[in-house]
Amino acid sequence: LHTGKQLDGIWHTSIIVHKDEFFYGSGGISSCAPGGTLLGPPDSVVDLGNTEVTEEIFLEYLSSLGESMFRGESYNLFEHNCNTFSNEVAQFLTGRKIPSYITDLPAEVLATPFGQALRPLLDSIQIQPPGGNTFSRHNGQS
């Protein structure tokens, strides 16, 4: 089976800022040392520039995201995934979006007959890369 379209992969993305890597999955927002999940080092890195946002403000922002838009139960492979999170956080930090070839991919898959046929199955998939720590502003004392 094929989608009728060349797909290089389904991208997992994360944001590295203030010496840590942050990502979103079905377990909510997680963090680790850069390249620290079992997925290993990234296939590619996109430099989105520098941020003026301090670590303290960033962690407060992440905490509020984790309690609102990016709770674990809000995860959806197509509509609300790691790339949605990376895009949101990138814009907060730098005013720049992540590349559209990443954010457009789910819609491109769903536009194919194959994607439509598999949608019920794909909607049920929960992805949480192992090796990260669930992010908590107060180190577990929430």
N, C-alpha and C. Protein backbone atom coordinates (compact mmCIF):
# COMPACT_ATOMS: atom_id res chain seq x y z
N LEU A 1 0.84 -1.19 0.00
CA LEU A 1 0.00 0.00 0.00
C LEU A 1 0.88 1.25 0.00
N HIS A 2 0.43 2.26 -0.69
CA HIS A 2 1.15 3.52 -0.63
C HIS A 2 0.14 4.66 -0.69
N THR A 3 0.59 5.83 -0.31
CA THR A 3 -0.34 6.97 -0.22
C THR A 3 -0.49 7.67 -1.56
N GLY A 4 0.29 7.27 -2.56
CA GLY A 4 0.25 7.99 -3.83
C GLY A 4 1.12 9.23 -3.76
N LYS A 5 1.84 9.38 -2.68
CA LYS A 5 2.65 10.57 -2.48
C LYS A 5 3.89 10.14 -1.70
N GLN A 6 5.04 10.70 -2.06
CA GLN A 6 6.26 10.37 -1.35
C GLN A 6 6.28 11.07 0.01
N LEU A 7 6.39 10.29 1.06
CA LEU A 7 6.50 10.86 2.41
C LEU A 7 7.86 10.45 2.97
N ASP A 8 8.63 11.43 3.40
CA ASP A 8 9.95 11.12 3.95
C ASP A 8 9.84 10.51 5.34
N GLY A 9 8.78 10.83 6.03
CA GLY A 9 8.61 10.30 7.38
C GLY A 9 7.55 11.10 8.10
N ILE A 10 7.15 10.58 9.22
CA ILE A 10 6.29 11.35 10.11
C ILE A 10 7.24 11.98 11.12
N TRP A 11 7.27 13.28 11.16
CA TRP A 11 8.26 13.96 11.96
C TRP A 11 7.87 14.03 13.43
N HIS A 12 8.82 13.69 14.30
CA HIS A 12 8.70 14.03 15.72
C HIS A 12 9.60 15.24 15.92
N THR A 13 9.05 16.30 16.50
CA THR A 13 9.85 17.49 16.73
C THR A 13 9.86 17.84 18.21
N SER A 14 10.87 18.60 18.58
CA SER A 14 10.99 19.11 19.94
C SER A 14 11.70 20.45 19.85
N ILE A 15 11.75 21.14 20.96
CA ILE A 15 12.42 22.45 21.03
C ILE A 15 13.55 22.35 22.04
N ILE A 16 14.74 22.76 21.63
CA ILE A 16 15.85 22.82 22.57
C ILE A 16 16.07 24.29 22.92
N VAL A 17 15.95 24.58 24.22
CA VAL A 17 16.14 25.95 24.70
C VAL A 17 16.62 25.87 26.15
N HIS A 18 17.47 26.80 26.54
CA HIS A 18 18.01 26.85 27.91
C HIS A 18 18.58 25.49 28.33
N LYS A 19 19.33 24.87 27.41
CA LYS A 19 20.08 23.63 27.66
C LYS A 19 19.23 22.37 27.86
N ASP A 20 17.92 22.44 27.59
CA ASP A 20 17.08 21.26 27.69
C ASP A 20 16.24 21.10 26.41
N GLU A 21 15.75 19.88 26.22
CA GLU A 21 14.88 19.57 25.09
C GLU A 21 13.47 19.37 25.64
N PHE A 22 12.50 20.02 25.01
CA PHE A 22 11.10 19.95 25.45
C PHE A 22 10.25 19.41 24.30
N PHE A 23 9.32 18.50 24.63
CA PHE A 23 8.46 17.93 23.60
C PHE A 23 7.12 17.55 24.20
N TYR A 24 6.17 17.26 23.32
CA TYR A 24 4.81 16.94 23.73
C TYR A 24 4.39 15.61 23.15
N GLY A 25 3.76 14.81 23.99
CA GLY A 25 3.22 13.53 23.55
C GLY A 25 2.00 13.19 24.37
N SER A 26 1.58 11.94 24.31
CA SER A 26 0.36 11.54 25.00
C SER A 26 0.52 11.57 26.52
N GLY A 27 1.76 11.74 26.99
CA GLY A 27 1.99 11.88 28.42
C GLY A 27 2.06 13.34 28.85
N GLY A 28 1.79 14.25 27.94
CA GLY A 28 1.87 15.67 28.25
C GLY A 28 3.22 16.24 27.81
N ILE A 29 3.61 17.35 28.40
CA ILE A 29 4.89 17.99 28.07
C ILE A 29 6.00 17.30 28.85
N SER A 30 7.07 16.97 28.14
CA SER A 30 8.21 16.30 28.77
C SER A 30 9.49 17.06 28.44
N SER A 31 10.52 16.78 29.23
CA SER A 31 11.82 17.38 28.97
C SER A 31 12.91 16.34 29.18
N CYS A 32 14.07 16.61 28.58
CA CYS A 32 15.22 15.74 28.74
C CYS A 32 16.46 16.52 28.33
N ALA A 33 17.61 15.92 28.53
CA ALA A 33 18.82 16.51 27.97
C ALA A 33 18.71 16.42 26.45
N PRO A 34 19.30 17.37 25.70
CA PRO A 34 19.18 17.33 24.23
C PRO A 34 19.57 15.97 23.66
N GLY A 35 18.68 15.39 22.83
CA GLY A 35 18.92 14.08 22.25
C GLY A 35 18.74 12.95 23.24
N GLY A 36 18.11 13.23 24.38
CA GLY A 36 18.07 12.27 25.48
C GLY A 36 16.96 11.25 25.47
N THR A 37 16.03 11.31 24.50
CA THR A 37 15.01 10.26 24.46
C THR A 37 15.58 9.04 23.75
N LEU A 38 14.82 7.95 23.77
CA LEU A 38 15.28 6.73 23.10
C LEU A 38 15.28 6.88 21.58
N LEU A 39 14.70 7.99 21.08
CA LEU A 39 14.78 8.26 19.64
C LEU A 39 16.21 8.65 19.26
N GLY A 40 17.01 9.04 20.24
CA GLY A 40 18.41 9.38 19.97
C GLY A 40 18.56 10.77 19.39
N PRO A 41 19.76 11.03 18.84
CA PRO A 41 20.01 12.36 18.28
C PRO A 41 19.10 12.64 17.09
N PRO A 42 18.79 13.90 16.83
CA PRO A 42 17.85 14.22 15.74
C PRO A 42 18.42 13.95 14.36
N ASP A 43 17.52 13.68 13.41
CA ASP A 43 17.93 13.53 12.01
C ASP A 43 18.33 14.88 11.43
N SER A 44 17.64 15.92 11.87
CA SER A 44 18.00 17.25 11.40
C SER A 44 17.66 18.27 12.47
N VAL A 45 18.37 19.38 12.43
CA VAL A 45 18.17 20.45 13.39
C VAL A 45 17.90 21.73 12.61
N VAL A 46 16.85 22.44 12.98
CA VAL A 46 16.53 23.72 12.36
C VAL A 46 16.80 24.81 13.39
N ASP A 47 17.70 25.72 13.06
CA ASP A 47 18.02 26.82 13.97
C ASP A 47 16.97 27.91 13.81
N LEU A 48 16.19 28.12 14.85
CA LEU A 48 15.13 29.14 14.80
C LEU A 48 15.60 30.47 15.37
N GLY A 49 16.88 30.55 15.73
CA GLY A 49 17.41 31.81 16.23
C GLY A 49 17.50 31.83 17.75
N ASN A 50 17.72 33.02 18.27
CA ASN A 50 17.87 33.21 19.71
C ASN A 50 16.58 33.74 20.32
N THR A 51 16.47 33.59 21.64
CA THR A 51 15.28 34.10 22.33
C THR A 51 15.69 35.10 23.40
N GLU A 52 14.82 36.06 23.62
CA GLU A 52 15.01 37.01 24.72
C GLU A 52 14.25 36.54 25.97
N VAL A 53 13.50 35.45 25.82
CA VAL A 53 12.68 34.97 26.93
C VAL A 53 13.57 34.28 27.96
N THR A 54 13.48 34.71 29.21
CA THR A 54 14.31 34.10 30.26
C THR A 54 13.82 32.70 30.57
N GLU A 55 14.69 31.91 31.18
CA GLU A 55 14.33 30.54 31.53
C GLU A 55 13.13 30.54 32.49
N GLU A 56 13.13 31.45 33.43
CA GLU A 56 12.04 31.49 34.41
C GLU A 56 10.70 31.76 33.74
N ILE A 57 10.66 32.73 32.86
CA ILE A 57 9.42 33.06 32.14
C ILE A 57 9.01 31.89 31.24
N PHE A 58 10.00 31.28 30.59
CA PHE A 58 9.71 30.15 29.71
C PHE A 58 9.08 28.99 30.50
N LEU A 59 9.63 28.68 31.67
CA LEU A 59 9.11 27.56 32.46
C LEU A 59 7.69 27.86 32.97
N GLU A 60 7.42 29.11 33.30
CA GLU A 60 6.06 29.50 33.70
C GLU A 60 5.10 29.31 32.52
N TYR A 61 5.55 29.73 31.34
CA TYR A 61 4.76 29.57 30.12
C TYR A 61 4.47 28.10 29.85
N LEU A 62 5.50 27.26 29.94
CA LEU A 62 5.33 25.82 29.72
C LEU A 62 4.35 25.23 30.71
N SER A 63 4.46 25.65 31.95
CA SER A 63 3.58 25.15 32.99
C SER A 63 2.12 25.47 32.64
N SER A 64 1.87 26.69 32.18
CA SER A 64 0.50 27.06 31.82
C SER A 64 0.03 26.27 30.60
N LEU A 65 0.92 26.03 29.64
CA LEU A 65 0.55 25.21 28.47
C LEU A 65 0.18 23.79 28.90
N GLY A 66 0.97 23.25 29.84
CA GLY A 66 0.74 21.88 30.30
C GLY A 66 -0.56 21.71 31.05
N GLU A 67 -1.08 22.81 31.58
CA GLU A 67 -2.35 22.76 32.30
C GLU A 67 -3.53 23.13 31.41
N SER A 68 -3.25 23.58 30.19
CA SER A 68 -4.34 24.02 29.31
C SER A 68 -4.31 23.28 27.98
N MET A 69 -3.68 23.87 26.97
CA MET A 69 -3.71 23.32 25.61
C MET A 69 -2.99 21.98 25.47
N PHE A 70 -1.95 21.77 26.26
CA PHE A 70 -1.09 20.61 26.01
C PHE A 70 -1.07 19.61 27.16
N ARG A 71 -2.27 19.30 27.66
CA ARG A 71 -2.40 18.18 28.60
C ARG A 71 -2.26 16.89 27.80
N GLY A 72 -1.85 15.81 28.48
CA GLY A 72 -1.66 14.53 27.79
C GLY A 72 -2.90 14.06 27.06
N GLU A 73 -4.07 14.23 27.69
CA GLU A 73 -5.30 13.72 27.08
C GLU A 73 -5.74 14.53 25.87
N SER A 74 -5.10 15.68 25.64
CA SER A 74 -5.44 16.49 24.46
C SER A 74 -4.68 16.04 23.21
N TYR A 75 -3.74 15.10 23.38
CA TYR A 75 -2.89 14.67 22.27
C TYR A 75 -3.71 14.01 21.16
N ASN A 76 -3.43 14.39 19.92
CA ASN A 76 -4.01 13.72 18.76
C ASN A 76 -2.95 13.70 17.66
N LEU A 77 -2.72 12.53 17.09
CA LEU A 77 -1.63 12.35 16.12
C LEU A 77 -1.72 13.33 14.96
N PHE A 78 -2.94 13.66 14.52
CA PHE A 78 -3.08 14.53 13.35
C PHE A 78 -3.28 16.00 13.69
N GLU A 79 -4.07 16.27 14.71
CA GLU A 79 -4.49 17.65 14.91
C GLU A 79 -3.82 18.37 16.06
N HIS A 80 -3.19 17.62 16.97
CA HIS A 80 -2.66 18.26 18.18
C HIS A 80 -1.52 17.40 18.70
N ASN A 81 -0.35 17.58 18.10
CA ASN A 81 0.74 16.65 18.35
C ASN A 81 2.04 17.38 18.72
N CYS A 82 3.16 16.66 18.67
CA CYS A 82 4.45 17.26 19.02
C CYS A 82 4.77 18.46 18.13
N ASN A 83 4.35 18.41 16.88
CA ASN A 83 4.65 19.51 15.96
C ASN A 83 3.81 20.75 16.26
N THR A 84 2.56 20.52 16.68
CA THR A 84 1.72 21.64 17.12
C THR A 84 2.40 22.36 18.28
N PHE A 85 2.92 21.55 19.21
CA PHE A 85 3.61 22.09 20.39
C PHE A 85 4.88 22.84 19.99
N SER A 86 5.71 22.21 19.16
CA SER A 86 6.96 22.85 18.75
C SER A 86 6.69 24.18 18.05
N ASN A 87 5.65 24.20 17.22
CA ASN A 87 5.30 25.41 16.48
C ASN A 87 4.86 26.52 17.44
N GLU A 88 4.02 26.16 18.39
CA GLU A 88 3.52 27.12 19.39
C GLU A 88 4.68 27.70 20.20
N VAL A 89 5.56 26.82 20.69
CA VAL A 89 6.66 27.25 21.55
C VAL A 89 7.68 28.07 20.76
N ALA A 90 7.95 27.66 19.52
CA ALA A 90 8.89 28.41 18.68
C ALA A 90 8.42 29.85 18.49
N GLN A 91 7.12 30.01 18.25
CA GLN A 91 6.59 31.36 18.05
C GLN A 91 6.66 32.19 19.33
N PHE A 92 6.43 31.54 20.46
CA PHE A 92 6.54 32.25 21.74
C PHE A 92 7.98 32.71 21.98
N LEU A 93 8.93 31.84 21.67
CA LEU A 93 10.34 32.13 21.96
C LEU A 93 10.98 33.08 20.94
N THR A 94 10.63 32.92 19.66
CA THR A 94 11.37 33.63 18.61
C THR A 94 10.49 34.40 17.63
N GLY A 95 9.18 34.17 17.69
CA GLY A 95 8.30 34.78 16.70
C GLY A 95 8.31 34.06 15.37
N ARG A 96 9.05 32.93 15.30
CA ARG A 96 9.15 32.16 14.04
C ARG A 96 8.45 30.83 14.18
N LYS A 97 7.84 30.39 13.07
CA LYS A 97 7.20 29.07 13.04
C LYS A 97 8.22 28.00 12.67
N ILE A 98 7.86 26.75 12.93
CA ILE A 98 8.69 25.66 12.43
C ILE A 98 8.35 25.45 10.96
N PRO A 99 9.21 24.76 10.20
CA PRO A 99 8.98 24.64 8.74
C PRO A 99 7.63 24.03 8.38
N SER A 100 7.00 24.58 7.34
CA SER A 100 5.66 24.14 6.96
C SER A 100 5.66 22.70 6.42
N TYR A 101 6.79 22.21 5.90
CA TYR A 101 6.79 20.82 5.41
C TYR A 101 6.56 19.85 6.58
N ILE A 102 6.80 20.30 7.80
CA ILE A 102 6.53 19.47 8.98
C ILE A 102 5.07 19.63 9.41
N THR A 103 4.62 20.87 9.55
CA THR A 103 3.25 21.08 10.05
C THR A 103 2.18 20.71 9.03
N ASP A 104 2.52 20.72 7.75
CA ASP A 104 1.53 20.38 6.71
C ASP A 104 1.37 18.88 6.49
N LEU A 105 2.30 18.09 7.02
CA LEU A 105 2.31 16.66 6.71
C LEU A 105 1.03 15.92 7.09
N PRO A 106 0.48 16.12 8.30
CA PRO A 106 -0.75 15.37 8.63
C PRO A 106 -1.88 15.62 7.65
N ALA A 107 -2.07 16.88 7.25
CA ALA A 107 -3.13 17.20 6.29
C ALA A 107 -2.88 16.53 4.95
N GLU A 108 -1.60 16.44 4.57
CA GLU A 108 -1.26 15.80 3.29
C GLU A 108 -1.58 14.30 3.35
N VAL A 109 -1.31 13.67 4.49
CA VAL A 109 -1.62 12.25 4.65
C VAL A 109 -3.14 12.05 4.59
N LEU A 110 -3.87 12.89 5.31
CA LEU A 110 -5.33 12.74 5.37
C LEU A 110 -5.99 13.05 4.04
N ALA A 111 -5.31 13.78 3.16
CA ALA A 111 -5.88 14.11 1.85
C ALA A 111 -5.83 12.92 0.90
N THR A 112 -5.12 11.86 1.27
CA THR A 112 -5.03 10.68 0.41
C THR A 112 -6.10 9.67 0.79
N PRO A 113 -6.54 8.83 -0.16
CA PRO A 113 -7.50 7.77 0.16
C PRO A 113 -6.95 6.84 1.25
N PHE A 114 -5.66 6.56 1.19
CA PHE A 114 -5.02 5.69 2.17
C PHE A 114 -5.12 6.32 3.56
N GLY A 115 -4.83 7.62 3.64
CA GLY A 115 -4.90 8.32 4.92
C GLY A 115 -6.31 8.32 5.48
N GLN A 116 -7.29 8.53 4.61
CA GLN A 116 -8.70 8.52 5.05
C GLN A 116 -9.10 7.13 5.55
N ALA A 117 -8.64 6.10 4.84
CA ALA A 117 -9.00 4.74 5.23
C ALA A 117 -8.39 4.37 6.58
N LEU A 118 -7.19 4.88 6.82
CA LEU A 118 -6.50 4.54 8.07
C LEU A 118 -6.82 5.50 9.21
N ARG A 119 -7.57 6.55 8.93
CA ARG A 119 -7.79 7.59 9.94
C ARG A 119 -8.28 7.05 11.29
N PRO A 120 -9.28 6.16 11.32
CA PRO A 120 -9.75 5.69 12.64
C PRO A 120 -8.62 5.03 13.45
N LEU A 121 -7.80 4.26 12.76
CA LEU A 121 -6.67 3.62 13.45
C LEU A 121 -5.64 4.66 13.88
N LEU A 122 -5.30 5.56 12.97
CA LEU A 122 -4.26 6.55 13.27
C LEU A 122 -4.70 7.51 14.38
N ASP A 123 -5.99 7.81 14.42
CA ASP A 123 -6.50 8.70 15.47
C ASP A 123 -6.32 8.10 16.86
N SER A 124 -6.27 6.76 16.92
CA SER A 124 -6.18 6.11 18.23
C SER A 124 -4.74 5.97 18.70
N ILE A 125 -3.77 6.30 17.85
CA ILE A 125 -2.37 6.12 18.21
C ILE A 125 -1.92 7.22 19.16
N GLN A 126 -1.32 6.79 20.26
CA GLN A 126 -0.76 7.71 21.24
C GLN A 126 0.76 7.60 21.16
N ILE A 127 1.44 8.70 21.02
CA ILE A 127 2.89 8.65 20.90
C ILE A 127 3.53 9.41 22.05
N GLN A 128 4.41 8.72 22.76
CA GLN A 128 5.15 9.35 23.85
C GLN A 128 6.58 8.80 23.79
N PRO A 129 7.51 9.56 23.19
CA PRO A 129 8.88 9.05 23.09
C PRO A 129 9.45 8.75 24.47
N PRO A 130 9.94 7.53 24.71
CA PRO A 130 10.47 7.18 26.02
C PRO A 130 11.79 7.87 26.31
N GLY A 131 12.05 8.15 27.55
CA GLY A 131 13.33 8.72 27.94
C GLY A 131 13.25 10.13 28.45
N GLY A 132 12.08 10.75 28.34
CA GLY A 132 11.92 12.11 28.87
C GLY A 132 11.32 12.08 30.26
N ASN A 133 11.35 13.21 30.93
CA ASN A 133 10.70 13.35 32.23
C ASN A 133 9.49 14.25 32.04
N THR A 134 8.36 13.84 32.62
CA THR A 134 7.17 14.68 32.54
C THR A 134 7.49 16.04 33.14
N PHE A 135 7.21 17.07 32.38
CA PHE A 135 7.56 18.43 32.83
C PHE A 135 6.65 18.85 33.96
N SER A 136 7.25 19.36 35.01
CA SER A 136 6.50 19.97 36.10
C SER A 136 7.27 21.17 36.59
N ARG A 137 6.60 22.28 36.71
CA ARG A 137 7.25 23.52 37.14
C ARG A 137 7.88 23.36 38.51
N HIS A 138 7.25 22.51 39.36
CA HIS A 138 7.71 22.41 40.74
C HIS A 138 8.33 21.04 41.02
N ASN A 139 8.92 20.45 39.98
CA ASN A 139 9.64 19.18 40.12
C ASN A 139 8.84 18.13 40.87
N GLY A 140 7.62 17.91 40.41
CA GLY A 140 6.83 16.82 40.96
C GLY A 140 5.96 17.21 42.14
N GLN A 141 6.07 18.43 42.65
CA GLN A 141 5.27 18.82 43.80
C GLN A 141 4.06 19.65 43.36
N SER A 142 3.37 19.18 42.33
CA SER A 142 2.27 19.99 41.79
C SER A 142 1.04 19.89 42.70
